[in-house]
Each structure stands twice: as C-alpha cells, then as structure tokens.
Amino acid sequence: MNIYIGNPHLCGYPLSKNCSASTIDAEQSVNHEDADHIAYLYLGMGIGFVTGLWVVFCTMLLRRTWAIAYFQIIDKLYDEAYVRVAITWAHLMKKTHDDAT
C-alpha cells in the first residue's frame, strides 16, 4: 500500500478512493484546460518567432552596413567550418590509407 502514497490520480482497489465517472470527468476537464494553455503557449511562441524574424530582416533591409557585416561573419564561419572538415577528412583518409598498407 505504501507504494501508492503520493499519487493523487490513483483510485480503485486496493485504495479506498472510488473511481466514479464524476472524478474522471473532472480530470478530463483539467486536461482540456491544460491543452488550451499549451495551445496559447505555441501561439505566443509562433507570434514571437515571426516578430523577431521580421525585426531582423527589416534591420537588414534598412541598415545596409549591418547586413554586410552579418553576411561577412556568416561567410567567415562557413569558411572556417569547411577548412576544419577538409583537414579532418584528409587526416582520416591518410590514417585509413596507412592502416591498409
């Protein structure tokens, strides 16, 4: 019996709490309220994402120097990642070739 202590949603045998239809209906209404809150959460996140995206794009359109600086940073990061991948790939191919001979 001690394993059931602390879980208020359990009912029926071996517990003394009765599982009636009214209890189940009350729990379902709570679940619907939670679903409504989750829907509002997703709606708010979507609106915030779109608003943030538009702020960034409008800033890029209005401030040409910021847009140039942003894309230079992106190009630099891409170039660094490409060089690291190419060097790692070359080391792996050399190691594989040395192990095969």
PDB file of N, CA and C in Angstrom:
ATOM      1  N   MET A   1       0.810  -1.196   0.000  1.00  0.00           N
ATOM      2  CA  MET A   1       0.000   0.000   0.000  1.00  0.00           C
ATOM      3  C   MET A   1       0.850   1.255   0.000  1.00  0.00           C
ATOM      4  N   ASN A   2       2.027   1.199   0.579  1.00  0.00           N
ATOM      5  CA  ASN A   2       2.870   2.387   0.673  1.00  0.00           C
ATOM      6  C   ASN A   2       3.341   2.874  -0.688  1.00  0.00           C
ATOM      7  N   ILE A   3       3.360   2.000  -1.684  1.00  0.00           N
ATOM      8  CA  ILE A   3       3.843   2.414  -2.999  1.00  0.00           C
ATOM      9  C   ILE A   3       2.859   3.342  -3.703  1.00  0.00           C
ATOM     10  N   TYR A   4       1.606   3.399  -3.233  1.00  0.00           N
ATOM     11  CA  TYR A   4       0.588   4.245  -3.861  1.00  0.00           C
ATOM     12  C   TYR A   4       0.484   5.626  -3.216  1.00  0.00           C
ATOM     13  N   ILE A   5       1.199   5.841  -2.125  1.00  0.00           N
ATOM     14  CA  ILE A   5       1.113   7.119  -1.409  1.00  0.00           C
ATOM     15  C   ILE A   5       1.771   8.210  -2.245  1.00  0.00           C
ATOM     16  N   GLY A   6       1.111   9.347  -2.339  1.00  0.00           N
ATOM     17  CA  GLY A   6       1.675  10.495  -3.038  1.00  0.00           C
ATOM     18  C   GLY A   6       1.229  10.635  -4.478  1.00  0.00           C
ATOM     19  N   ASN A   7       0.415   9.709  -4.984  1.00  0.00           N
ATOM     20  CA  ASN A   7      -0.098   9.813  -6.345  1.00  0.00           C
ATOM     21  C   ASN A   7      -1.600  10.038  -6.257  1.00  0.00           C
ATOM     22  N   PRO A   8      -2.064  11.283  -6.383  1.00  0.00           N
ATOM     23  CA  PRO A   8      -3.477  11.586  -6.168  1.00  0.00           C
ATOM     24  C   PRO A   8      -4.379  11.096  -7.307  1.00  0.00           C
ATOM     25  N   HIS A   9      -3.821  10.686  -8.433  1.00  0.00           N
ATOM     26  CA  HIS A   9      -4.642  10.275  -9.571  1.00  0.00           C
ATOM     27  C   HIS A   9      -5.010   8.791  -9.537  1.00  0.00           C
ATOM     28  N   LEU A  10      -4.488   8.034  -8.593  1.00  0.00           N
ATOM     29  CA  LEU A  10      -4.818   6.619  -8.481  1.00  0.00           C
ATOM     30  C   LEU A  10      -6.134   6.449  -7.728  1.00  0.00           C
ATOM     31  N   CYS A  11      -6.922   5.470  -8.179  1.00  0.00           N
ATOM     32  CA  CYS A  11      -8.175   5.165  -7.498  1.00  0.00           C
ATOM     33  C   CYS A  11      -8.524   3.706  -7.731  1.00  0.00           C
ATOM     34  N   GLY A  12      -9.476   3.204  -6.975  1.00  0.00           N
ATOM     35  CA  GLY A  12      -9.900   1.821  -7.099  1.00  0.00           C
ATOM     36  C   GLY A  12      -9.100   0.912  -6.185  1.00  0.00           C
ATOM     37  N   TYR A  13      -9.386  -0.391  -6.320  1.00  0.00           N
ATOM     38  CA  TYR A  13      -8.734  -1.383  -5.464  1.00  0.00           C
ATOM     39  C   TYR A  13      -7.238  -1.356  -5.683  1.00  0.00           C
ATOM     40  N   PRO A  14      -6.419  -1.394  -4.721  1.00  0.00           N
ATOM     41  CA  PRO A  14      -6.569  -1.602  -3.290  1.00  0.00           C
ATOM     42  C   PRO A  14      -6.744  -0.309  -2.509  1.00  0.00           C
ATOM     43  N   LEU A  15      -6.924   0.812  -3.186  1.00  0.00           N
ATOM     44  CA  LEU A  15      -7.081   2.085  -2.494  1.00  0.00           C
ATOM     45  C   LEU A  15      -8.535   2.306  -2.105  1.00  0.00           C
ATOM     46  N   SER A  16      -8.744   3.176  -1.132  1.00  0.00           N
ATOM     47  CA  SER A  16     -10.106   3.453  -0.680  1.00  0.00           C
ATOM     48  C   SER A  16     -10.789   4.499  -1.558  1.00  0.00           C
ATOM     49  N   LYS A  17     -10.054   5.175  -2.420  1.00  0.00           N
ATOM     50  CA  LYS A  17     -10.628   6.200  -3.289  1.00  0.00           C
ATOM     51  C   LYS A  17     -11.429   5.523  -4.407  1.00  0.00           C
ATOM     52  N   ASN A  18     -12.684   5.986  -4.597  1.00  0.00           N
ATOM     53  CA  ASN A  18     -13.579   5.401  -5.582  1.00  0.00           C
ATOM     54  C   ASN A  18     -13.333   6.043  -6.950  1.00  0.00           C
ATOM     55  N   CYS A  19     -13.365   5.225  -7.990  1.00  0.00           N
ATOM     56  CA  CYS A  19     -13.215   5.718  -9.368  1.00  0.00           C
ATOM     57  C   CYS A  19     -14.617   5.900  -9.951  1.00  0.00           C
ATOM     58  N   SER A  20     -15.173   7.087  -9.787  1.00  0.00           N
ATOM     59  CA  SER A  20     -16.506   7.335 -10.332  1.00  0.00           C
ATOM     60  C   SER A  20     -16.384   8.127 -11.618  1.00  0.00           C
ATOM     61  N   ALA A  21     -17.457   8.206 -12.360  1.00  0.00           N
ATOM     62  CA  ALA A  21     -17.471   8.936 -13.624  1.00  0.00           C
ATOM     63  C   ALA A  21     -17.257  10.426 -13.392  1.00  0.00           C
ATOM     64  N   SER A  22     -17.736  10.946 -12.259  1.00  0.00           N
ATOM     65  CA  SER A  22     -17.570  12.376 -11.993  1.00  0.00           C
ATOM     66  C   SER A  22     -16.097  12.720 -11.776  1.00  0.00           C
ATOM     67  N   THR A  23     -15.359  11.829 -11.161  1.00  0.00           N
ATOM     68  CA  THR A  23     -13.928  12.058 -10.952  1.00  0.00           C
ATOM     69  C   THR A  23     -13.204  12.054 -12.281  1.00  0.00           C
ATOM     70  N   ILE A  24     -13.550  11.120 -13.146  1.00  0.00           N
ATOM     71  CA  ILE A  24     -12.928  11.034 -14.460  1.00  0.00           C
ATOM     72  C   ILE A  24     -13.275  12.260 -15.294  1.00  0.00           C
ATOM     73  N   ASP A  25     -14.541  12.712 -15.235  1.00  0.00           N
ATOM     74  CA  ASP A  25     -14.943  13.910 -15.975  1.00  0.00           C
ATOM     75  C   ASP A  25     -14.186  15.142 -15.491  1.00  0.00           C
ATOM     76  N   ALA A  26     -13.991  15.248 -14.171  1.00  0.00           N
ATOM     77  CA  ALA A  26     -13.262  16.393 -13.628  1.00  0.00           C
ATOM     78  C   ALA A  26     -11.812  16.382 -14.108  1.00  0.00           C
ATOM     79  N   GLU A  27     -11.198  15.200 -14.139  1.00  0.00           N
ATOM     80  CA  GLU A  27      -9.816  15.101 -14.609  1.00  0.00           C
ATOM     81  C   GLU A  27      -9.727  15.425 -16.092  1.00  0.00           C
ATOM     82  N   GLN A  28     -10.720  15.014 -16.879  1.00  0.00           N
ATOM     83  CA  GLN A  28     -10.710  15.317 -18.311  1.00  0.00           C
ATOM     84  C   GLN A  28     -10.866  16.805 -18.558  1.00  0.00           C
ATOM     85  N   SER A  29     -11.690  17.489 -17.744  1.00  0.00           N
ATOM     86  CA  SER A  29     -11.835  18.929 -17.921  1.00  0.00           C
ATOM     87  C   SER A  29     -10.533  19.643 -17.579  1.00  0.00           C
ATOM     88  N   VAL A  30      -9.790  19.142 -16.592  1.00  0.00           N
ATOM     89  CA  VAL A  30      -8.489  19.715 -16.259  1.00  0.00           C
ATOM     90  C   VAL A  30      -7.529  19.498 -17.419  1.00  0.00           C
ATOM     91  N   ASN A  31      -7.590  18.321 -18.054  1.00  0.00           N
ATOM     92  CA  ASN A  31      -6.722  18.047 -19.194  1.00  0.00           C
ATOM     93  C   ASN A  31      -7.047  18.965 -20.359  1.00  0.00           C
ATOM     94  N   HIS A  32      -8.319  19.287 -20.575  1.00  0.00           N
ATOM     95  CA  HIS A  32      -8.698  20.210 -21.646  1.00  0.00           C
ATOM     96  C   HIS A  32      -8.173  21.611 -21.360  1.00  0.00           C
ATOM     97  N   GLU A  33      -8.212  22.015 -20.089  1.00  0.00           N
ATOM     98  CA  GLU A  33      -7.672  23.323 -19.729  1.00  0.00           C
ATOM     99  C   GLU A  33      -6.169  23.364 -19.982  1.00  0.00           C
ATOM    100  N   ASP A  34      -5.478  22.284 -19.663  1.00  0.00           N
ATOM    101  CA  ASP A  34      -4.044  22.226 -19.926  1.00  0.00           C
ATOM    102  C   ASP A  34      -3.771  22.305 -21.423  1.00  0.00           C
ATOM    103  N   ALA A  35      -4.596  21.641 -22.223  1.00  0.00           N
ATOM    104  CA  ALA A  35      -4.429  21.684 -23.672  1.00  0.00           C
ATOM    105  C   ALA A  35      -4.642  23.094 -24.202  1.00  0.00           C
ATOM    106  N   ASP A  36      -5.600  23.824 -23.621  1.00  0.00           N
ATOM    107  CA  ASP A  36      -5.814  25.219 -24.032  1.00  0.00           C
ATOM    108  C   ASP A  36      -4.594  26.075 -23.709  1.00  0.00           C
ATOM    109  N   HIS A  37      -4.003  25.866 -22.536  1.00  0.00           N
ATOM    110  CA  HIS A  37      -2.818  26.625 -22.152  1.00  0.00           C
ATOM    111  C   HIS A  37      -1.651  26.313 -23.082  1.00  0.00           C
ATOM    112  N   ILE A  38      -1.511  25.065 -23.468  1.00  0.00           N
ATOM    113  CA  ILE A  38      -0.432  24.675 -24.378  1.00  0.00           C
ATOM    114  C   ILE A  38      -0.648  25.307 -25.746  1.00  0.00           C
ATOM    115  N   ALA A  39      -1.895  25.361 -26.194  1.00  0.00           N
ATOM    116  CA  ALA A  39      -2.191  25.992 -27.479  1.00  0.00           C
ATOM    117  C   ALA A  39      -1.822  27.474 -27.439  1.00  0.00           C
ATOM    118  N   TYR A  40      -2.139  28.155 -26.341  1.00  0.00           N
ATOM    119  CA  TYR A  40      -1.769  29.562 -26.206  1.00  0.00           C
ATOM    120  C   TYR A  40      -0.250  29.730 -26.140  1.00  0.00           C
ATOM    121  N   LEU A  41       0.422  28.789 -25.514  1.00  0.00           N
ATOM    122  CA  LEU A  41       1.876  28.836 -25.454  1.00  0.00           C
ATOM    123  C   LEU A  41       2.475  28.756 -26.858  1.00  0.00           C
ATOM    124  N   TYR A  42       2.009  27.787 -27.647  1.00  0.00           N
ATOM    125  CA  TYR A  42       2.513  27.637 -29.017  1.00  0.00           C
ATOM    126  C   TYR A  42       2.161  28.853 -29.874  1.00  0.00           C
ATOM    127  N   LEU A  43       0.976  29.393 -29.683  1.00  0.00           N
ATOM    128  CA  LEU A  43       0.580  30.586 -30.429  1.00  0.00           C
ATOM    129  C   LEU A  43       1.500  31.755 -30.087  1.00  0.00           C
ATOM    130  N   GLY A  44       1.767  31.950 -28.817  1.00  0.00           N
ATOM    131  CA  GLY A  44       2.665  33.027 -28.396  1.00  0.00           C
ATOM    132  C   GLY A  44       4.081  32.830 -28.910  1.00  0.00           C
ATOM    133  N   MET A  45       4.564  31.579 -28.881  1.00  0.00           N
ATOM    134  CA  MET A  45       5.899  31.309 -29.402  1.00  0.00           C
ATOM    135  C   MET A  45       5.964  31.583 -30.895  1.00  0.00           C
ATOM    136  N   GLY A  46       4.925  31.205 -31.634  1.00  0.00           N
ATOM    137  CA  GLY A  46       4.899  31.445 -33.075  1.00  0.00           C
ATOM    138  C   GLY A  46       4.883  32.929 -33.403  1.00  0.00           C
ATOM    139  N   ILE A  47       4.061  33.678 -32.692  1.00  0.00           N
ATOM    140  CA  ILE A  47       3.991  35.129 -32.918  1.00  0.00           C
ATOM    141  C   ILE A  47       5.327  35.771 -32.566  1.00  0.00           C
ATOM    142  N   GLY A  48       5.938  35.358 -31.490  1.00  0.00           N
ATOM    143  CA  GLY A  48       7.242  35.905 -31.097  1.00  0.00           C
ATOM    144  C   GLY A  48       8.319  35.581 -32.111  1.00  0.00           C
ATOM    145  N   PHE A  49       8.302  34.360 -32.634  1.00  0.00           N
ATOM    146  CA  PHE A  49       9.297  33.972 -33.640  1.00  0.00           C
ATOM    147  C   PHE A  49       9.148  34.804 -34.903  1.00  0.00           C
ATOM    148  N   VAL A  50       7.919  34.943 -35.395  1.00  0.00           N
ATOM    149  CA  VAL A  50       7.682  35.716 -36.615  1.00  0.00           C
ATOM    150  C   VAL A  50       8.059  37.180 -36.402  1.00  0.00           C
ATOM    151  N   THR A  51       7.695  37.734 -35.257  1.00  0.00           N
ATOM    152  CA  THR A  51       8.033  39.126 -34.964  1.00  0.00           C
ATOM    153  C   THR A  51       9.547  39.318 -34.908  1.00  0.00           C
ATOM    154  N   GLY A  52      10.233  38.426 -34.232  1.00  0.00           N
ATOM    155  CA  GLY A  52      11.690  38.519 -34.156  1.00  0.00           C
ATOM    156  C   GLY A  52      12.347  38.390 -35.506  1.00  0.00           C
ATOM    157  N   LEU A  53      11.830  37.480 -36.324  1.00  0.00           N
ATOM    158  CA  LEU A  53      12.375  37.290 -37.671  1.00  0.00           C
ATOM    159  C   LEU A  53      12.189  38.546 -38.506  1.00  0.00           C
ATOM    160  N   TRP A  54      11.026  39.156 -38.427  1.00  0.00           N
ATOM    161  CA  TRP A  54      10.768  40.379 -39.189  1.00  0.00           C
ATOM    162  C   TRP A  54      11.629  41.533 -38.704  1.00  0.00           C
ATOM    163  N   VAL A  55      11.879  41.599 -37.398  1.00  0.00           N
ATOM    164  CA  VAL A  55      12.748  42.658 -36.876  1.00  0.00           C
ATOM    165  C   VAL A  55      14.155  42.510 -37.454  1.00  0.00           C
ATOM    166  N   VAL A  56      14.656  41.294 -37.483  1.00  0.00           N
ATOM    167  CA  VAL A  56      15.994  41.062 -38.038  1.00  0.00           C
ATOM    168  C   VAL A  56      16.016  41.398 -39.520  1.00  0.00           C
ATOM    169  N   PHE A  57      15.036  40.919 -40.282  1.00  0.00           N
ATOM    170  CA  PHE A  57      15.025  41.187 -41.721  1.00  0.00           C
ATOM    171  C   PHE A  57      14.851  42.667 -42.029  1.00  0.00           C
ATOM    172  N   CYS A  58      13.987  43.352 -41.295  1.00  0.00           N
ATOM    173  CA  CYS A  58      13.803  44.797 -41.527  1.00  0.00           C
ATOM    174  C   CYS A  58      15.069  45.566 -41.179  1.00  0.00           C
ATOM    175  N   THR A  59      15.754  45.139 -40.123  1.00  0.00           N
ATOM    176  CA  THR A  59      17.015  45.780 -39.769  1.00  0.00           C
ATOM    177  C   THR A  59      18.030  45.591 -40.885  1.00  0.00           C
ATOM    178  N   MET A  60      18.068  44.384 -41.445  1.00  0.00           N
ATOM    179  CA  MET A  60      18.998  44.114 -42.543  1.00  0.00           C
ATOM    180  C   MET A  60      18.661  44.947 -43.774  1.00  0.00           C
ATOM    181  N   LEU A  61      17.379  45.167 -44.013  1.00  0.00           N
ATOM    182  CA  LEU A  61      16.983  45.959 -45.175  1.00  0.00           C
ATOM    183  C   LEU A  61      17.293  47.438 -44.986  1.00  0.00           C
ATOM    184  N   LEU A  62      17.116  47.938 -43.762  1.00  0.00           N
ATOM    185  CA  LEU A  62      17.289  49.364 -43.521  1.00  0.00           C
ATOM    186  C   LEU A  62      18.747  49.749 -43.243  1.00  0.00           C
ATOM    187  N   ARG A  63      19.493  48.879 -42.644  1.00  0.00           N
ATOM    188  CA  ARG A  63      20.890  49.163 -42.314  1.00  0.00           C
ATOM    189  C   ARG A  63      21.798  48.307 -43.192  1.00  0.00           C
ATOM    190  N   ARG A  64      22.188  48.834 -44.309  1.00  0.00           N
ATOM    191  CA  ARG A  64      22.975  48.081 -45.297  1.00  0.00           C
ATOM    192  C   ARG A  64      24.320  47.635 -44.711  1.00  0.00           C
ATOM    193  N   THR A  65      24.959  48.491 -43.909  1.00  0.00           N
ATOM    194  CA  THR A  65      26.260  48.125 -43.337  1.00  0.00           C
ATOM    195  C   THR A  65      26.123  46.957 -42.355  1.00  0.00           C
ATOM    196  N   TRP A  66      25.020  46.898 -41.619  1.00  0.00           N
ATOM    197  CA  TRP A  66      24.790  45.775 -40.710  1.00  0.00           C
ATOM    198  C   TRP A  66      24.588  44.487 -41.487  1.00  0.00           C
ATOM    199  N   ALA A  67      23.870  44.581 -42.586  1.00  0.00           N
ATOM    200  CA  ALA A  67      23.639  43.393 -43.410  1.00  0.00           C
ATOM    201  C   ALA A  67      24.959  42.876 -43.973  1.00  0.00           C
ATOM    202  N   ILE A  68      25.802  43.790 -44.449  1.00  0.00           N
ATOM    203  CA  ILE A  68      27.097  43.378 -44.999  1.00  0.00           C
ATOM    204  C   ILE A  68      27.946  42.729 -43.915  1.00  0.00           C
ATOM    205  N   ALA A  69      27.985  43.328 -42.732  1.00  0.00           N
ATOM    206  CA  ALA A  69      28.766  42.767 -41.629  1.00  0.00           C
ATOM    207  C   ALA A  69      28.233  41.392 -41.226  1.00  0.00           C
ATOM    208  N   TYR A  70      26.922  41.252 -41.185  1.00  0.00           N
ATOM    209  CA  TYR A  70      26.311  39.967 -40.818  1.00  0.00           C
ATOM    210  C   TYR A  70      26.707  38.879 -41.801  1.00  0.00           C
ATOM    211  N   PHE A  71      26.588  39.156 -43.081  1.00  0.00           N
ATOM    212  CA  PHE A  71      26.901  38.133 -44.082  1.00  0.00           C
ATOM    213  C   PHE A  71      28.396  37.861 -44.173  1.00  0.00           C
ATOM    214  N   GLN A  72      29.241  38.834 -43.849  1.00  0.00           N
ATOM    215  CA  GLN A  72      30.675  38.574 -43.785  1.00  0.00           C
ATOM    216  C   GLN A  72      30.990  37.611 -42.644  1.00  0.00           C
ATOM    217  N   ILE A  73      30.315  37.789 -41.516  1.00  0.00           N
ATOM    218  CA  ILE A  73      30.519  36.871 -40.387  1.00  0.00           C
ATOM    219  C   ILE A  73      30.068  35.461 -40.760  1.00  0.00           C
ATOM    220  N   ILE A  74      28.917  35.348 -41.413  1.00  0.00           N
ATOM    221  CA  ILE A  74      28.416  34.037 -41.826  1.00  0.00           C
ATOM    222  C   ILE A  74      29.381  33.382 -42.805  1.00  0.00           C
ATOM    223  N   ASP A  75      29.889  34.139 -43.766  1.00  0.00           N
ATOM    224  CA  ASP A  75      30.856  33.596 -44.728  1.00  0.00           C
ATOM    225  C   ASP A  75      32.129  33.136 -44.040  1.00  0.00           C
ATOM    226  N   LYS A  76      32.601  33.908 -43.073  1.00  0.00           N
ATOM    227  CA  LYS A  76      33.814  33.537 -42.354  1.00  0.00           C
ATOM    228  C   LYS A  76      33.602  32.245 -41.560  1.00  0.00           C
ATOM    229  N   LEU A  77      32.464  32.126 -40.884  1.00  0.00           N
ATOM    230  CA  LEU A  77      32.167  30.896 -40.140  1.00  0.00           C
ATOM    231  C   LEU A  77      32.071  29.694 -41.060  1.00  0.00           C
ATOM    232  N   TYR A  78      31.449  29.881 -42.219  1.00  0.00           N
ATOM    233  CA  TYR A  78      31.334  28.793 -43.188  1.00  0.00           C
ATOM    234  C   TYR A  78      32.716  28.365 -43.675  1.00  0.00           C
ATOM    235  N   ASP A  79      33.573  29.339 -43.987  1.00  0.00           N
ATOM    236  CA  ASP A  79      34.920  29.023 -44.466  1.00  0.00           C
ATOM    237  C   ASP A  79      35.719  28.267 -43.413  1.00  0.00           C
ATOM    238  N   GLU A  80      35.634  28.696 -42.154  1.00  0.00           N
ATOM    239  CA  GLU A  80      36.352  28.009 -41.079  1.00  0.00           C
ATOM    240  C   GLU A  80      35.851  26.582 -40.896  1.00  0.00           C
ATOM    241  N   ALA A  81      34.546  26.392 -40.955  1.00  0.00           N
ATOM    242  CA  ALA A  81      33.983  25.047 -40.814  1.00  0.00           C
ATOM    243  C   ALA A  81      34.411  24.165 -41.978  1.00  0.00           C
ATOM    244  N   TYR A  82      34.417  24.717 -43.189  1.00  0.00           N
ATOM    245  CA  TYR A  82      34.815  23.951 -44.369  1.00  0.00           C
ATOM    246  C   TYR A  82      36.273  23.511 -44.265  1.00  0.00           C
ATOM    247  N   VAL A  83      37.154  24.406 -43.829  1.00  0.00           N
ATOM    248  CA  VAL A  83      38.573  24.070 -43.697  1.00  0.00           C
ATOM    249  C   VAL A  83      38.767  22.994 -42.641  1.00  0.00           C
ATOM    250  N   ARG A  84      38.072  23.107 -41.507  1.00  0.00           N
ATOM    251  CA  ARG A  84      38.203  22.087 -40.458  1.00  0.00           C
ATOM    252  C   ARG A  84      37.733  20.712 -40.941  1.00  0.00           C
ATOM    253  N   VAL A  85      36.623  20.687 -41.673  1.00  0.00           N
ATOM    254  CA  VAL A  85      36.113  19.413 -42.194  1.00  0.00           C
ATOM    255  C   VAL A  85      37.095  18.843 -43.209  1.00  0.00           C
ATOM    256  N   ALA A  86      37.626  19.681 -44.093  1.00  0.00           N
ATOM    257  CA  ALA A  86      38.560  19.208 -45.111  1.00  0.00           C
ATOM    258  C   ALA A  86      39.836  18.659 -44.474  1.00  0.00           C
ATOM    259  N   ILE A  87      40.362  19.331 -43.457  1.00  0.00           N
ATOM    260  CA  ILE A  87      41.579  18.855 -42.787  1.00  0.00           C
ATOM    261  C   ILE A  87      41.317  17.548 -42.059  1.00  0.00           C
ATOM    262  N   THR A  88      40.196  17.472 -41.355  1.00  0.00           N
ATOM    263  CA  THR A  88      39.845  16.238 -40.642  1.00  0.00           C
ATOM    264  C   THR A  88      39.664  15.085 -41.616  1.00  0.00           C
ATOM    265  N   TRP A  89      39.000  15.340 -42.723  1.00  0.00           N
ATOM    266  CA  TRP A  89      38.796  14.305 -43.732  1.00  0.00           C
ATOM    267  C   TRP A  89      40.134  13.831 -44.307  1.00  0.00           C
ATOM    268  N   ALA A  90      41.039  14.763 -44.564  1.00  0.00           N
ATOM    269  CA  ALA A  90      42.353  14.397 -45.099  1.00  0.00           C
ATOM    270  C   ALA A  90      43.126  13.541 -44.105  1.00  0.00           C
ATOM    271  N   HIS A  91      43.069  13.902 -42.809  1.00  0.00           N
ATOM    272  CA  HIS A  91      43.750  13.099 -41.789  1.00  0.00           C
ATOM    273  C   HIS A  91      43.149  11.699 -41.711  1.00  0.00           C
ATOM    274  N   LEU A  92      41.827  11.609 -41.766  1.00  0.00           N
ATOM    275  CA  LEU A  92      41.181  10.293 -41.703  1.00  0.00           C
ATOM    276  C   LEU A  92      41.541   9.445 -42.921  1.00  0.00           C
ATOM    277  N   MET A  93      41.565  10.051 -44.095  1.00  0.00           N
ATOM    278  CA  MET A  93      41.902   9.300 -45.313  1.00  0.00           C
ATOM    279  C   MET A  93      43.363   8.839 -45.263  1.00  0.00           C
ATOM    280  N   LYS A  94      44.257   9.702 -44.756  1.00  0.00           N
ATOM    281  CA  LYS A  94      45.665   9.326 -44.647  1.00  0.00           C
ATOM    282  C   LYS A  94      45.828   8.177 -43.652  1.00  0.00           C
ATOM    283  N   LYS A  95      45.115   8.272 -42.507  1.00  0.00           N
ATOM    284  CA  LYS A  95      45.200   7.222 -41.494  1.00  0.00           C
ATOM    285  C   LYS A  95      44.655   5.905 -42.034  1.00  0.00           C
ATOM    286  N   THR A  96      43.552   5.980 -42.770  1.00  0.00           N
ATOM    287  CA  THR A  96      42.958   4.767 -43.354  1.00  0.00           C
ATOM    288  C   THR A  96      43.899   4.177 -44.398  1.00  0.00           C
ATOM    289  N   HIS A  97      44.541   5.016 -45.186  1.00  0.00           N
ATOM    290  CA  HIS A  97      45.458   4.542 -46.223  1.00  0.00           C
ATOM    291  C   HIS A  97      46.702   3.909 -45.574  1.00  0.00           C
ATOM    292  N   ASP A  98      47.210   4.538 -44.492  1.00  0.00           N
ATOM    293  CA  ASP A  98      48.381   3.995 -43.809  1.00  0.00           C
ATOM    294  C   ASP A  98      48.056   2.667 -43.127  1.00  0.00           C
ATOM    295  N   ASP A  99      46.854   2.532 -42.580  1.00  0.00           N
ATOM    296  CA  ASP A  99      46.463   1.280 -41.920  1.00  0.00           C
ATOM    297  C   ASP A  99      46.261   0.162 -42.925  1.00  0.00           C
ATOM    298  N   ALA A 100      45.851   0.499 -44.154  1.00  0.00           N
ATOM    299  CA  ALA A 100      45.594  -0.517 -45.174  1.00  0.00           C
ATOM    300  C   ALA A 100      46.895  -1.083 -45.732  1.00  0.00           C
ATOM    301  N   THR A 101      47.975  -0.300 -45.696  1.00  0.00           N
ATOM    302  CA  THR A 101      49.243  -0.812 -46.265  1.00  0.00           C
ATOM    303  C   THR A 101      50.127  -1.421 -45.247  1.00  0.00           C
TER     304      THR A 101
END
